[in-house]
């Protein structure tokens, strides 16, 4: 239901006694009061009427004979009650006609005007602030008002009526306006359903906040964003704002003007497209609490709250996180109890936050949290995290000190705490898990787990290295001999590893070459193993060592080149594999090209 409009004139008031009921040994009369569209009921016994009449006659405002006389005998008889009911109704109607504008205070209290009627509400509030207003301002306490009171004040300001209707200076509206201009902390709490015994629905009553000029903090709950007017007038001063159970969008609170302008931009921002309005920003707002609402998206209205450091959007209906990159000063963010299933690249949206609450969502992965390097406190309780491997995504966060993972599926894993803490490596002692300080026993277990993990990693690396060598050997063995020969002859034996790979020819060895071979083999062990395998393959197909070219084709230069080529192709064979037992082992090395040519 949309908030009703302000009344342009004072509503007509009526009163009637609609019934009675017997309570113990006396009769209570049920009175219905009608004030325009509002109505409520009041219950009084005859003695209450008598006390009211005494007060009015003492002030010489009514005739003493106006009230029906008191009866002693048969006072609860049906006939007497019915007759008195009509007489009392006539009495009250006469009083209202006699005081159409300024209702006497005793009569206003008797009919509960101070609870449900505009003039009575403002008069009661003004008198309270007359006595306590200055004390409340000096104490800096939070002052509470209900929407009905604010509606009554707003209505009084719109009506062309004196600020003091009953002539009592203590009830002057000026006391309220003076107080609201200086008030700094305000709480507005509405109600669901009718107020008291009335038909008044506070959620349908519009009220204006522009009368508050110095507010630093405001809390609004159980209201409708449509009934809140003048909220934009608080932008220059407000530092903390809390809105609960009152809105479905952030836009309706932060940019109420958006309903009037289709295109708008915050002040201080250059726009490439034409806009119909430039909206002032919330200059001093650093804390925004919009928890317990029905917000489904974070819209671009957050552009107007650039200085916000604390943002609470818990208990809403968010399924994604958007537009928070505009809030450069964010420190604390609460997104708990929403409908978040995944949060990717959170650092691009949340910046350098220190506290993040994601409790009560449906998260099963933490890949988007890996770069929140400034995060100190992280709450992930009541989610769907089942795999301990997900903790690795936050295990390297350098500043994380408090982590809450309670009520997740992973919590039933044996030794869950120590396995989680082990993901933080050397920082395990610095992390408080699930609000429990890490014990020395847990740290010892973590060290054991870390040692086991390191041993496993070393074993995996060695296994990987052996597998690689085996694969290289297999490929070398499977290669055709002519490819091995061509490959050997095409690469110059200039380096240590190259000379170890190239298989030398079997011939008589010199002492110098024999002494240099172990050094080469030590420098390149893997290549030596490969060359031995190649030698075993190529030995059967190479020509004999003492084979010489025909005499007619002999040329010293050609013979020198041929000897070098033979030296590269023929393998070095270890005679220890074929020598009989006890025979000294001798490794043959190739003769140089110069020796062959001289011979």
Protein backbone atom coordinates (compact mmCIF):
# COMPACT_ATOMS: atom_id res chain seq x y z
CA UNK A 1 0.00 0.00 0.00
CA UNK A 2 1.35 3.42 -0.95
CA UNK A 3 1.75 5.95 1.85
CA UNK A 4 -1.29 8.13 2.22
CA UNK A 5 -1.07 11.84 1.40
CA UNK A 6 -0.89 14.52 4.03
CA UNK A 7 -4.28 15.90 5.09
CA UNK A 8 -4.92 19.42 3.90
CA UNK A 9 -7.21 20.32 6.80
CA UNK A 10 -8.05 19.08 10.28
CA UNK A 11 -10.20 15.92 10.11
CA UNK A 12 -13.60 15.67 11.69
CA UNK A 13 -13.68 13.99 15.10
CA UNK A 14 -16.44 11.81 16.52
CA UNK A 15 -16.88 9.71 19.64
CA UNK A 16 -19.38 7.08 20.65
CA UNK A 17 -19.79 4.41 23.32
CA UNK A 18 -20.15 1.18 21.39
CA UNK A 19 -20.51 -1.30 24.22
CA UNK A 20 -19.63 -2.39 27.71
CA UNK A 21 -18.19 -5.37 29.56
CA UNK A 22 -18.21 -6.55 33.14
CA UNK A 23 -14.80 -6.75 34.79
CA UNK A 24 -14.85 -8.28 38.29
CA UNK A 25 -17.52 -6.23 40.04
CA UNK A 26 -17.65 -3.12 37.88
CA UNK A 27 -18.65 -2.19 34.32
CA UNK A 28 -16.20 -0.95 31.70
CA UNK A 29 -17.49 1.12 28.78
CA UNK A 30 -15.93 0.73 25.33
CA UNK A 31 -15.46 4.07 23.59
CA UNK A 32 -14.66 4.43 19.88
CA UNK A 33 -12.95 7.63 18.77
CA UNK A 34 -12.95 8.62 15.08
CA UNK A 35 -10.47 11.17 13.77
CA UNK A 36 -10.79 11.39 10.00
CA UNK A 37 -9.69 8.02 8.61
CA UNK A 38 -8.16 6.95 11.90
CA UNK A 39 -10.10 5.29 14.67
CA UNK A 40 -9.26 3.66 17.95
CA UNK A 41 -10.96 2.35 21.08
CA UNK A 42 -10.62 3.35 24.73
CA UNK A 43 -12.02 1.59 27.79
CA UNK A 44 -13.11 3.43 30.94
CA UNK A 45 -15.26 2.73 33.96
CA UNK A 46 -17.71 5.30 35.32
CA UNK A 47 -15.26 6.47 37.99
CA UNK A 48 -12.86 7.57 35.22
CA UNK A 49 -15.63 9.71 33.74
CA UNK A 50 -16.24 11.21 37.15
CA UNK A 51 -12.55 12.09 37.62
CA UNK A 52 -12.45 13.71 34.18
CA UNK A 53 -15.52 15.78 34.97
CA UNK A 54 -14.04 16.97 38.24
CA UNK A 55 -10.91 18.22 36.48
CA UNK A 56 -12.92 20.04 33.84
CA UNK A 57 -15.26 21.69 36.32
CA UNK A 58 -12.31 22.73 38.47
CA UNK A 59 -11.04 24.69 35.49
CA UNK A 60 -14.58 26.08 35.07
CA UNK A 61 -14.81 24.80 31.54
CA UNK A 62 -17.97 22.68 31.75
CA UNK A 63 -21.26 22.59 33.64
CA UNK A 64 -21.19 20.29 36.67
CA UNK A 65 -24.64 18.90 35.82
CA UNK A 66 -23.51 17.64 32.42
CA UNK A 67 -22.32 14.23 33.70
CA UNK A 68 -25.01 11.62 34.52
CA UNK A 69 -25.35 11.10 38.31
CA UNK A 70 -23.65 8.25 40.12
CA UNK A 71 -25.73 5.21 41.15
CA UNK A 72 -25.03 2.93 44.09
CA UNK A 73 -27.73 0.29 43.89
CA UNK A 74 -28.09 -1.82 40.78
CA UNK A 75 -25.14 -0.18 39.09
CA UNK A 76 -24.34 -3.28 37.06
CA UNK A 77 -27.90 -4.03 35.99
CA UNK A 78 -28.43 -4.38 32.27
CA UNK A 79 -31.01 -1.59 32.02
CA UNK A 80 -28.85 0.87 33.96
CA UNK A 81 -25.76 0.03 31.91
CA UNK A 82 -27.61 0.54 28.62
CA UNK A 83 -29.10 3.86 29.76
CA UNK A 84 -25.80 5.10 31.16
CA UNK A 85 -24.02 4.10 27.95
CA UNK A 86 -26.19 6.49 25.95
CA UNK A 87 -25.81 9.26 28.54
CA UNK A 88 -22.03 8.96 28.61
CA UNK A 89 -21.86 9.05 24.81
CA UNK A 90 -23.90 12.29 24.81
CA UNK A 91 -21.55 13.68 27.47
CA UNK A 92 -18.43 13.06 25.38
CA UNK A 93 -19.99 14.41 22.19
CA UNK A 94 -20.95 17.60 24.01
CA UNK A 95 -17.37 18.05 25.22
CA UNK A 96 -15.92 17.65 21.70
CA UNK A 97 -18.39 20.18 20.31
CA UNK A 98 -17.52 22.61 23.09
CA UNK A 99 -13.78 22.34 22.34
CA UNK A 100 -13.51 21.89 18.53
CA UNK A 101 -9.98 23.33 18.24
CA UNK A 102 -8.06 23.23 21.51
CA UNK A 103 -9.00 20.09 23.40
CA UNK A 104 -8.36 20.41 27.14
CA UNK A 105 -5.47 18.26 28.33
CA UNK A 106 -7.59 16.11 30.70
CA UNK A 107 -10.04 15.29 27.91
CA UNK A 108 -7.24 14.62 25.40
CA UNK A 109 -5.58 12.16 27.79
CA UNK A 110 -8.95 10.52 28.56
CA UNK A 111 -9.52 9.79 24.84
CA UNK A 112 -5.86 8.81 24.21
CA UNK A 113 -5.25 11.73 21.87
CA UNK A 114 -1.58 11.68 22.94
CA UNK A 115 -1.27 8.21 21.38
CA UNK A 116 -3.32 8.45 18.17
CA UNK A 117 -4.36 12.04 17.35
CA UNK A 118 -2.05 14.50 15.58
CA UNK A 119 -2.45 17.45 17.94
CA UNK A 120 -2.31 15.30 21.03
CA UNK A 121 0.84 13.48 19.81
CA UNK A 122 2.75 16.68 19.02
CA UNK A 123 1.64 18.32 22.26
CA UNK A 124 2.84 15.37 24.31
CA UNK A 125 6.18 15.26 22.44
CA UNK A 126 6.69 19.01 22.79
CA UNK A 127 6.07 18.86 26.55
CA UNK A 128 8.51 15.97 26.93
CA UNK A 129 11.24 17.86 25.07
CA UNK A 130 10.47 21.01 27.03
CA UNK A 131 11.49 19.17 30.19
CA UNK A 132 14.21 16.78 28.94
CA UNK A 133 15.31 18.04 25.53
CA UNK A 134 18.39 19.99 26.60
CA UNK A 135 19.55 17.18 28.85
CA UNK A 136 19.24 14.65 26.02
CA UNK A 137 21.23 16.83 23.63
CA UNK A 138 24.06 17.35 26.09
CA UNK A 139 24.26 13.65 26.88
CA UNK A 140 24.53 12.81 23.17
CA UNK A 141 22.10 9.93 23.53
CA UNK A 142 20.12 8.28 20.75
CA UNK A 143 16.58 9.65 20.64
CA UNK A 144 13.79 7.37 19.44
CA UNK A 145 10.74 8.42 17.48
CA UNK A 146 8.04 6.40 15.76
CA UNK A 147 6.68 7.11 12.26
CA UNK A 148 3.35 8.22 13.74
CA UNK A 149 5.07 10.94 15.76
CA UNK A 150 7.05 12.13 12.73
CA UNK A 151 3.91 12.06 10.61
CA UNK A 152 2.11 14.18 13.20
CA UNK A 153 4.91 16.77 13.28
CA UNK A 154 5.06 16.88 9.47
CA UNK A 155 1.28 17.25 9.34
CA UNK A 156 1.30 20.06 11.89
CA UNK A 157 3.86 21.99 9.86
CA UNK A 158 1.67 21.72 6.74
CA UNK A 159 -1.51 22.90 8.40
CA UNK A 160 -2.11 26.63 8.78
CA UNK A 161 -2.58 26.38 12.51
CA UNK A 162 -0.93 27.95 15.56
CA UNK A 163 2.07 26.06 16.90
CA UNK A 164 0.33 25.88 20.29
CA UNK A 165 -3.31 24.83 20.06
CA UNK A 166 -4.31 24.55 23.71
CA UNK A 167 -2.60 27.73 24.91
CA UNK A 168 -0.01 25.86 27.00
CA UNK A 169 3.50 27.10 26.15
CA UNK A 170 5.02 23.77 27.16
CA UNK A 171 3.22 22.08 24.27
CA UNK A 172 4.39 24.52 21.63
CA UNK A 173 5.66 22.95 18.39
CA UNK A 174 8.74 25.19 18.58
CA UNK A 175 10.25 22.96 21.27
CA UNK A 176 10.21 20.05 18.81
CA UNK A 177 11.75 22.05 15.96
CA UNK A 178 14.52 23.41 18.17
CA UNK A 179 15.35 19.91 19.37
CA UNK A 180 15.34 18.31 15.91
CA UNK A 181 17.64 21.00 14.50
CA UNK A 182 20.33 20.09 17.04
CA UNK A 183 19.77 16.35 17.42
CA UNK A 184 22.69 14.16 16.25
CA UNK A 185 21.54 10.59 16.89
CA UNK A 186 18.08 9.42 15.81
CA UNK A 187 16.29 6.06 15.77
CA UNK A 188 13.01 5.52 13.94
CA UNK A 189 11.26 2.24 14.62
CA UNK A 190 7.94 1.44 12.99
CA UNK A 191 5.51 -1.41 13.56
CA UNK A 192 3.96 -4.11 11.43
CA UNK A 193 0.20 -4.12 11.68
CA UNK A 194 -2.06 -1.61 13.41
CA UNK A 195 -0.83 0.61 16.21
CA UNK A 196 -2.32 -0.29 19.58
CA UNK A 197 -6.10 -0.42 19.51
CA UNK A 198 -6.30 1.75 16.37
CA UNK A 199 -6.53 1.02 12.66
CA UNK A 200 -3.45 3.16 12.00
CA UNK A 201 -0.82 1.47 9.82
CA UNK A 202 2.47 3.27 10.41
CA UNK A 203 3.95 1.89 7.19
CA UNK A 204 1.39 4.00 5.29
CA UNK A 205 2.21 7.28 7.00
CA UNK A 206 4.67 9.55 5.16
CA UNK A 207 7.09 11.59 7.22
CA UNK A 208 9.67 14.25 6.43
CA UNK A 209 13.26 14.13 7.75
CA UNK A 210 14.25 17.56 6.51
CA UNK A 211 13.58 19.02 9.98
CA UNK A 212 16.79 17.32 11.18
CA UNK A 213 19.73 19.58 10.33
CA UNK A 214 22.63 18.11 12.32
CA UNK A 215 22.16 14.35 12.24
CA UNK A 216 25.31 12.23 12.34
CA UNK A 217 23.62 8.87 12.79
CA UNK A 218 20.20 7.52 11.85
CA UNK A 219 18.62 4.09 12.17
CA UNK A 220 15.34 3.27 10.44
CA UNK A 221 13.52 -0.05 10.77
CA UNK A 222 10.11 -1.47 9.91
CA UNK A 223 9.27 1.37 7.56
CA UNK A 224 8.69 1.64 3.84
CA UNK A 225 11.17 3.46 1.66
CA UNK A 226 8.22 5.13 -0.04
CA UNK A 227 7.10 6.84 3.15
CA UNK A 228 10.55 8.24 3.99
CA UNK A 229 10.84 11.77 2.64
CA UNK A 230 13.62 14.31 2.95
CA UNK A 231 16.34 11.67 3.38
CA UNK A 232 18.50 13.39 0.78
CA UNK A 233 18.64 16.50 2.99
CA UNK A 234 20.86 14.50 5.38
CA UNK A 235 23.69 14.05 2.84
CA UNK A 236 25.89 16.90 4.09
CA UNK A 237 26.06 15.72 7.73
CA UNK A 238 25.20 12.02 8.05
CA UNK A 239 28.11 9.68 8.91
CA UNK A 240 26.28 6.46 9.82
CA UNK A 241 23.06 5.15 8.33
CA UNK A 242 21.24 1.91 9.16
CA UNK A 243 18.17 0.76 7.26
CA UNK A 244 16.45 -2.50 8.23
CA UNK A 245 13.32 -4.24 6.91
CA UNK A 246 12.41 -1.16 4.93
CA UNK A 247 13.49 -1.44 1.28
CA UNK A 248 13.98 -3.70 -1.72
CA UNK A 249 16.63 -1.59 -3.46
CA UNK A 250 19.62 0.49 -2.45
CA UNK A 251 18.63 3.08 -5.02
CA UNK A 252 15.43 4.07 -3.18
CA UNK A 253 17.48 5.01 -0.11
CA UNK A 254 20.68 6.44 -1.56
CA UNK A 255 19.18 8.14 -4.61
CA UNK A 256 15.48 8.83 -3.93
CA UNK A 257 15.58 11.35 -6.80
CA UNK A 258 16.05 8.48 -9.24
CA UNK A 259 12.28 8.07 -9.40
CA UNK A 260 12.07 11.54 -10.96
CA UNK A 261 15.12 11.49 -13.27
CA UNK A 262 15.82 8.72 -15.74
CA UNK A 263 19.46 9.76 -16.31
CA UNK A 264 21.63 10.99 -13.46
CA UNK A 265 25.26 11.16 -12.45
CA UNK A 266 26.94 11.87 -9.11
CA UNK A 267 28.47 15.29 -8.70
CA UNK A 268 32.11 15.64 -9.65
CA UNK A 269 31.94 13.00 -12.40
CA UNK A 270 32.28 13.94 -16.06
CA UNK A 271 29.69 12.19 -18.17
CA UNK A 272 30.03 11.48 -21.87
CA UNK A 273 26.27 11.23 -22.34
CA UNK A 274 23.61 13.83 -21.52
CA UNK A 275 22.08 13.56 -18.04
CA UNK A 276 18.92 15.02 -16.60
CA UNK A 277 20.24 15.48 -13.05
CA UNK A 278 23.48 15.76 -11.08
CA UNK A 279 23.00 14.18 -7.65
CA UNK A 280 25.04 15.34 -4.62
CA UNK A 281 27.11 12.64 -2.93
CA UNK A 282 26.93 11.57 0.70
CA UNK A 283 29.89 13.62 1.80
CA UNK A 284 30.57 12.17 5.24
CA UNK A 285 28.89 8.76 5.16
CA UNK A 286 31.43 6.14 6.31
CA UNK A 287 29.13 3.41 7.66
CA UNK A 288 26.18 1.95 5.78
CA UNK A 289 24.16 -0.90 7.27
CA UNK A 290 21.38 -2.17 5.02
CA UNK A 291 21.08 -5.64 6.48
CA UNK A 292 17.77 -7.48 6.87
CA UNK A 293 16.15 -6.09 3.75
CA UNK A 294 15.07 -7.62 0.43
CA UNK A 295 17.91 -6.27 -1.71
CA UNK A 296 18.70 -8.51 -4.69
CA UNK A 297 21.43 -6.48 -6.41
CA UNK A 298 24.08 -3.88 -5.60
CA UNK A 299 23.13 -1.15 -8.06
CA UNK A 300 25.13 1.86 -9.21
CA UNK A 301 23.69 4.06 -6.45
CA UNK A 302 26.83 3.15 -4.47
CA UNK A 303 28.66 5.70 -6.60
CA UNK A 304 27.27 8.31 -4.20
CA UNK A 305 28.85 6.76 -1.07
CA UNK A 306 32.55 6.91 -2.00
CA UNK A 307 33.76 7.36 1.58
CA UNK A 308 32.03 4.29 3.03
CA UNK A 309 34.41 2.07 5.01
CA UNK A 310 31.94 -0.29 6.67
CA UNK A 311 29.28 -1.92 4.49
CA UNK A 312 26.77 -4.42 5.85
CA UNK A 313 24.47 -6.12 3.32
CA UNK A 314 23.84 -9.29 5.30
CA UNK A 315 20.47 -11.05 5.33
CA UNK A 316 19.43 -9.94 1.88
CA UNK A 317 18.90 -11.76 -1.43
CA UNK A 318 22.19 -11.06 -3.22
CA UNK A 319 23.33 -13.62 -5.79
CA UNK A 320 26.30 -11.62 -7.12
CA UNK A 321 28.65 -8.84 -6.02
CA UNK A 322 28.77 -5.84 -8.33
CA UNK A 323 29.69 -2.14 -8.37
CA UNK A 324 31.70 -2.26 -5.14
CA UNK A 325 34.81 -1.30 -7.11
CA UNK A 326 33.55 2.29 -6.78
CA UNK A 327 34.09 2.15 -3.00
CA UNK A 328 37.82 2.76 -2.69
CA UNK A 329 37.80 3.09 1.11
CA UNK A 330 36.11 -0.20 2.01
CA UNK A 331 37.61 -1.91 5.06
CA UNK A 332 34.82 -4.10 6.46
CA UNK A 333 32.27 -5.91 4.26
CA UNK A 334 29.50 -8.19 5.49
CA UNK A 335 27.76 -10.26 2.80
CA UNK A 336 26.62 -13.06 5.08
CA UNK A 337 23.34 -14.91 4.69
CA UNK A 338 22.66 -14.09 1.08
CA UNK A 339 22.44 -16.39 -1.96
CA UNK A 340 26.05 -16.26 -3.16
CA UNK A 341 27.26 -19.42 -4.90
CA UNK A 342 30.57 -18.15 -6.28
CA UNK A 343 32.76 -15.10 -5.78
CA UNK A 344 35.28 -14.71 -8.60
CA UNK A 345 38.15 -12.18 -8.61
CA UNK A 346 37.02 -10.68 -5.32
CA UNK A 347 40.07 -8.39 -5.16
CA UNK A 348 38.81 -6.46 -8.20
CA UNK A 349 35.54 -5.73 -6.41
CA UNK A 350 36.47 -5.48 -2.75
CA UNK A 351 39.89 -3.87 -2.90
CA UNK A 352 42.04 -3.76 0.24
CA UNK A 353 39.46 -4.91 2.77
CA UNK A 354 40.46 -6.28 6.17
CA UNK A 355 37.26 -8.01 7.29
CA UNK A 356 35.01 -10.10 5.07
CA UNK A 357 32.01 -12.14 6.19
CA UNK A 358 30.56 -14.64 3.73
CA UNK A 359 28.81 -16.84 6.29
CA UNK A 360 25.48 -18.44 5.50
CA UNK A 361 25.86 -18.53 1.71
CA UNK A 362 26.22 -21.46 -0.70
CA UNK A 363 29.93 -21.24 -1.51
CA UNK A 364 31.76 -24.45 -2.39
CA UNK A 365 34.89 -22.90 -3.94
CA UNK A 366 37.34 -20.24 -2.75
CA UNK A 367 39.25 -19.56 -5.96
CA UNK A 368 38.16 -15.92 -6.04
CA UNK A 369 39.75 -15.05 -2.70
CA UNK A 370 43.39 -15.78 -3.54
CA UNK A 371 44.46 -12.13 -3.96
CA UNK A 372 42.81 -10.48 -0.95
CA UNK A 373 46.26 -9.81 0.48
CA UNK A 374 45.13 -7.31 3.14
CA UNK A 375 42.44 -9.61 4.59
CA UNK A 376 42.74 -10.14 8.35
CA UNK A 377 39.38 -11.63 9.35
CA UNK A 378 37.45 -14.08 7.14
CA UNK A 379 34.16 -15.77 8.08
CA UNK A 380 33.15 -18.68 5.84
CA UNK A 381 30.93 -20.55 8.28
CA UNK A 382 27.66 -22.18 7.21
CA UNK A 383 28.61 -22.70 3.57
CA UNK A 384 29.07 -25.78 1.36
CA UNK A 385 32.86 -26.15 1.56
CA UNK A 386 33.70 -29.87 1.48
CA UNK A 387 37.24 -30.13 0.05
CA UNK A 388 40.31 -29.28 2.12
CA UNK A 389 42.13 -28.39 -1.11
CA UNK A 390 40.03 -25.21 -1.28
CA UNK A 391 41.89 -23.87 1.77
CA UNK A 392 45.03 -23.59 -0.37
CA UNK A 393 43.39 -20.62 -2.09
CA UNK A 394 43.54 -18.63 1.15
CA UNK A 395 46.53 -20.34 2.76
CA UNK A 396 48.95 -17.87 1.21
CA UNK A 397 47.14 -14.71 2.37
CA UNK A 398 49.89 -12.94 4.37
CA UNK A 399 47.70 -11.01 6.84
CA UNK A 400 44.95 -13.52 7.62
CA UNK A 401 44.64 -14.04 11.38
CA UNK A 402 41.05 -15.14 12.03
CA UNK A 403 39.28 -17.80 9.97
CA UNK A 404 35.87 -19.30 10.65
CA UNK A 405 34.97 -22.50 8.79
CA UNK A 406 32.47 -23.93 11.25
CA UNK A 407 29.32 -25.68 10.03
CA UNK A 408 30.84 -26.65 6.67
CA UNK A 409 30.89 -30.24 5.33
CA UNK A 410 34.69 -30.36 5.67
CA UNK A 411 34.41 -30.04 9.44
CA UNK A 412 33.58 -33.77 9.76
CA UNK A 413 36.94 -34.77 8.24
CA UNK A 414 39.22 -36.44 10.86
CA UNK A 415 41.88 -34.05 12.20
CA UNK A 416 40.12 -31.25 10.34
CA UNK A 417 41.74 -28.44 12.35
CA UNK A 418 45.33 -29.58 11.93
CA UNK A 419 44.84 -30.31 8.23
CA UNK A 420 43.44 -26.83 7.69
CA UNK A 421 46.19 -25.17 9.70
CA UNK A 422 48.83 -27.11 7.75
CA UNK A 423 47.71 -25.25 4.62
CA UNK A 424 49.12 -22.05 6.15
CA UNK A 425 52.65 -23.42 6.44
CA UNK A 426 54.88 -21.41 8.74
CA UNK A 427 51.97 -19.08 9.63
CA UNK A 428 49.88 -21.82 11.26
CA UNK A 429 50.58 -20.45 14.76
CA UNK A 430 49.28 -17.01 13.75
CA UNK A 431 45.86 -18.22 12.57
CA UNK A 432 42.90 -18.47 14.94
CA UNK A 433 40.57 -21.10 13.49
CA UNK A 434 36.86 -21.17 14.38
CA UNK A 435 37.39 -18.73 17.26
CA UNK A 436 39.75 -21.16 18.99
CA UNK A 437 43.42 -20.40 19.63
CA UNK A 438 45.79 -22.96 18.10
CA UNK A 439 47.30 -25.24 20.78
CA UNK A 440 50.89 -26.49 21.00
CA UNK A 441 49.74 -30.04 20.35
CA UNK A 442 48.05 -28.93 17.15
CA UNK A 443 51.18 -27.09 16.07
CA UNK A 444 53.27 -30.24 16.63
CA UNK A 445 50.87 -32.22 14.49
CA UNK A 446 51.03 -29.51 11.84
CA UNK A 447 54.84 -29.80 11.77
CA UNK A 448 54.55 -33.57 11.23
CA UNK A 449 52.08 -33.04 8.40
CA UNK A 450 54.37 -30.48 6.83
CA UNK A 451 57.34 -32.88 7.00
CA UNK A 452 55.28 -35.65 5.41
CA UNK A 453 54.17 -33.29 2.69
CA UNK A 454 57.74 -32.18 1.95
CA UNK A 455 58.94 -35.78 1.77
CA UNK A 456 56.16 -36.60 -0.61
CA UNK A 457 57.05 -33.64 -2.81
CA UNK A 458 60.73 -34.71 -2.92
CA UNK A 459 59.73 -38.24 -3.82
CA UNK A 460 57.45 -36.98 -6.56
CA UNK A 461 60.25 -34.86 -8.01
CA UNK A 462 62.72 -37.76 -7.99
CA UNK A 463 60.16 -40.06 -9.56
CA UNK A 464 59.50 -37.47 -12.22
CA UNK A 465 63.25 -37.11 -12.93
CA UNK A 466 63.79 -40.90 -13.20
CA UNK A 467 60.85 -41.19 -15.49
CA UNK A 468 62.27 -38.49 -17.73
CA UNK A 469 65.70 -40.22 -17.96
CA UNK A 470 64.04 -43.55 -18.71
CA UNK A 471 61.99 -41.96 -21.44
CA UNK A 472 65.10 -40.40 -23.03
CA UNK A 473 66.90 -43.78 -22.95
CA UNK A 474 63.94 -45.52 -24.52
CA UNK A 475 63.77 -42.98 -27.32
CA UNK A 476 67.53 -43.24 -27.96
CA UNK A 477 67.40 -47.04 -28.13
CA UNK A 478 64.47 -47.02 -30.48
CA UNK A 479 66.20 -44.60 -32.93
CA UNK A 480 67.70 -46.12 -36.20
CA UNK A 481 71.54 -46.46 -36.23
CA UNK A 482 72.08 -44.22 -39.25
CA UNK A 483 70.17 -41.41 -37.49
CA UNK A 484 72.39 -41.76 -34.43
CA UNK A 485 75.52 -41.70 -36.67
CA UNK A 486 74.34 -38.64 -38.55
CA UNK A 487 73.38 -36.90 -35.36
CA UNK A 488 76.83 -37.59 -33.87
CA UNK A 489 78.77 -36.42 -36.90
CA UNK A 490 76.75 -33.25 -37.28
CA UNK A 491 77.52 -31.89 -33.79
CA UNK A 492 81.09 -30.73 -33.05
CA UNK A 493 82.70 -32.27 -29.93
CA UNK A 494 83.74 -28.98 -28.48
CA UNK A 495 82.24 -29.11 -24.99
CA UNK A 496 82.54 -31.64 -22.22
CA UNK A 497 79.03 -32.92 -22.59
CA UNK A 498 79.36 -33.11 -26.38
CA UNK A 499 82.55 -35.20 -26.17
CA UNK A 500 80.85 -37.54 -23.70
CA UNK A 501 77.87 -38.07 -25.97
CA UNK A 502 79.93 -38.70 -29.15
CA UNK A 503 81.01 -42.38 -29.14
CA UNK A 504 84.80 -42.70 -29.76
CA UNK A 505 86.32 -45.41 -31.97
CA UNK A 506 87.91 -48.54 -30.44
CA UNK A 507 91.72 -48.27 -30.86
CA UNK A 508 94.86 -48.11 -28.77
CA UNK A 509 94.64 -45.54 -25.99
CA UNK A 510 97.14 -42.96 -24.89
CA UNK A 511 97.65 -42.01 -21.28
CA UNK A 512 96.45 -38.44 -21.70
CA UNK A 513 93.12 -39.36 -23.27
CA UNK A 514 92.61 -42.11 -20.70
CA UNK A 515 93.07 -39.68 -17.84
CA UNK A 516 90.65 -37.13 -19.24
CA UNK A 517 87.79 -39.58 -19.76
CA UNK A 518 86.67 -39.92 -16.08
CA UNK A 519 86.36 -36.17 -15.74
CA UNK A 520 84.17 -36.02 -18.81
CA UNK A 521 82.06 -38.91 -17.60
CA UNK A 522 81.58 -37.27 -14.19
CA UNK A 523 80.55 -34.00 -15.77
CA UNK A 524 77.89 -35.55 -17.97
CA UNK A 525 76.69 -38.87 -16.45
CA UNK A 526 73.38 -38.99 -18.22
CA UNK A 527 74.95 -38.40 -21.61
CA UNK A 528 77.50 -41.17 -20.89
CA UNK A 529 74.72 -43.66 -20.25
CA UNK A 530 73.07 -42.61 -23.48
CA UNK A 531 76.36 -42.95 -25.42
CA UNK A 532 76.89 -46.45 -24.06
CA UNK A 533 73.51 -47.50 -25.30
CA UNK A 534 74.22 -45.94 -28.68
CA UNK A 535 77.57 -47.76 -28.82
CA UNK A 536 75.86 -51.09 -28.24
CA UNK A 537 73.55 -50.42 -31.17
CA UNK A 538 76.12 -49.09 -33.67
CA UNK A 539 79.01 -51.49 -32.88
CA UNK A 540 77.70 -54.29 -35.05
CA UNK A 541 77.35 -52.17 -38.20
CA UNK A 542 80.60 -50.17 -38.16
CA UNK A 543 83.58 -51.28 -40.31
CA UNK A 544 86.72 -52.84 -38.73
CA UNK A 545 89.25 -50.51 -37.17
CA UNK A 546 92.20 -51.67 -39.29
CA UNK A 547 90.35 -51.28 -42.58
CA UNK A 548 92.39 -48.99 -44.88
CA UNK A 549 91.45 -47.34 -48.16
CA UNK A 550 93.01 -48.51 -51.46
CA UNK A 551 96.52 -47.22 -52.20
CA UNK A 552 95.57 -45.52 -55.44
CA UNK A 553 93.06 -43.30 -53.70
CA UNK A 554 95.27 -42.37 -50.80
CA UNK A 555 95.49 -38.69 -50.01
CA UNK A 556 96.87 -37.35 -46.71
CA UNK A 557 94.19 -34.72 -46.33
CA UNK A 558 91.42 -37.07 -47.26
CA UNK A 559 92.82 -39.75 -45.00
CA UNK A 560 92.98 -37.30 -42.10
CA UNK A 561 89.31 -36.36 -42.55
CA UNK A 562 88.32 -40.01 -42.86
CA UNK A 563 90.14 -40.86 -39.64
CA UNK A 564 88.33 -38.07 -37.84
CA UNK A 565 85.01 -39.31 -39.19
CA UNK A 566 85.79 -42.85 -38.08
CA UNK A 567 86.73 -41.56 -34.65
CA UNK A 568 83.28 -39.94 -34.24
CA UNK A 569 81.33 -42.99 -35.40
CA UNK A 570 83.03 -45.87 -33.58
CA UNK A 571 82.06 -46.39 -29.93
CA UNK A 572 84.25 -46.73 -26.91
CA UNK A 573 83.77 -50.23 -25.52
CA UNK A 574 84.61 -51.12 -21.92
CA UNK A 575 86.66 -54.31 -22.06
CA UNK A 576 85.73 -55.11 -18.48
CA UNK A 577 82.45 -56.54 -19.77
CA UNK A 578 84.33 -59.21 -21.88
CA UNK A 579 87.66 -59.66 -20.02
CA UNK A 580 88.16 -62.83 -18.00
CA UNK A 581 88.25 -62.70 -14.24
CA UNK A 582 91.41 -61.24 -12.82
CA UNK A 583 92.41 -59.51 -16.04
CA UNK A 584 93.07 -55.74 -15.55
CA UNK A 585 90.41 -53.52 -16.99
CA UNK A 586 91.52 -51.25 -19.82
CA UNK A 587 89.39 -48.60 -21.53
CA UNK A 588 90.47 -47.91 -25.08
CA UNK A 589 90.37 -44.39 -26.46
CA UNK A 590 90.61 -43.28 -30.04
CA UNK A 591 93.97 -42.34 -31.54
CA UNK A 592 94.28 -38.91 -32.90
CA UNK A 593 94.14 -38.15 -36.58
CA UNK A 594 97.81 -37.13 -36.53
CA UNK A 595 98.93 -40.55 -35.27
CA UNK A 596 96.92 -42.39 -37.90
CA UNK A 597 98.32 -40.24 -40.67
CA UNK A 598 101.89 -40.76 -39.48
CA UNK A 599 101.43 -44.49 -39.32
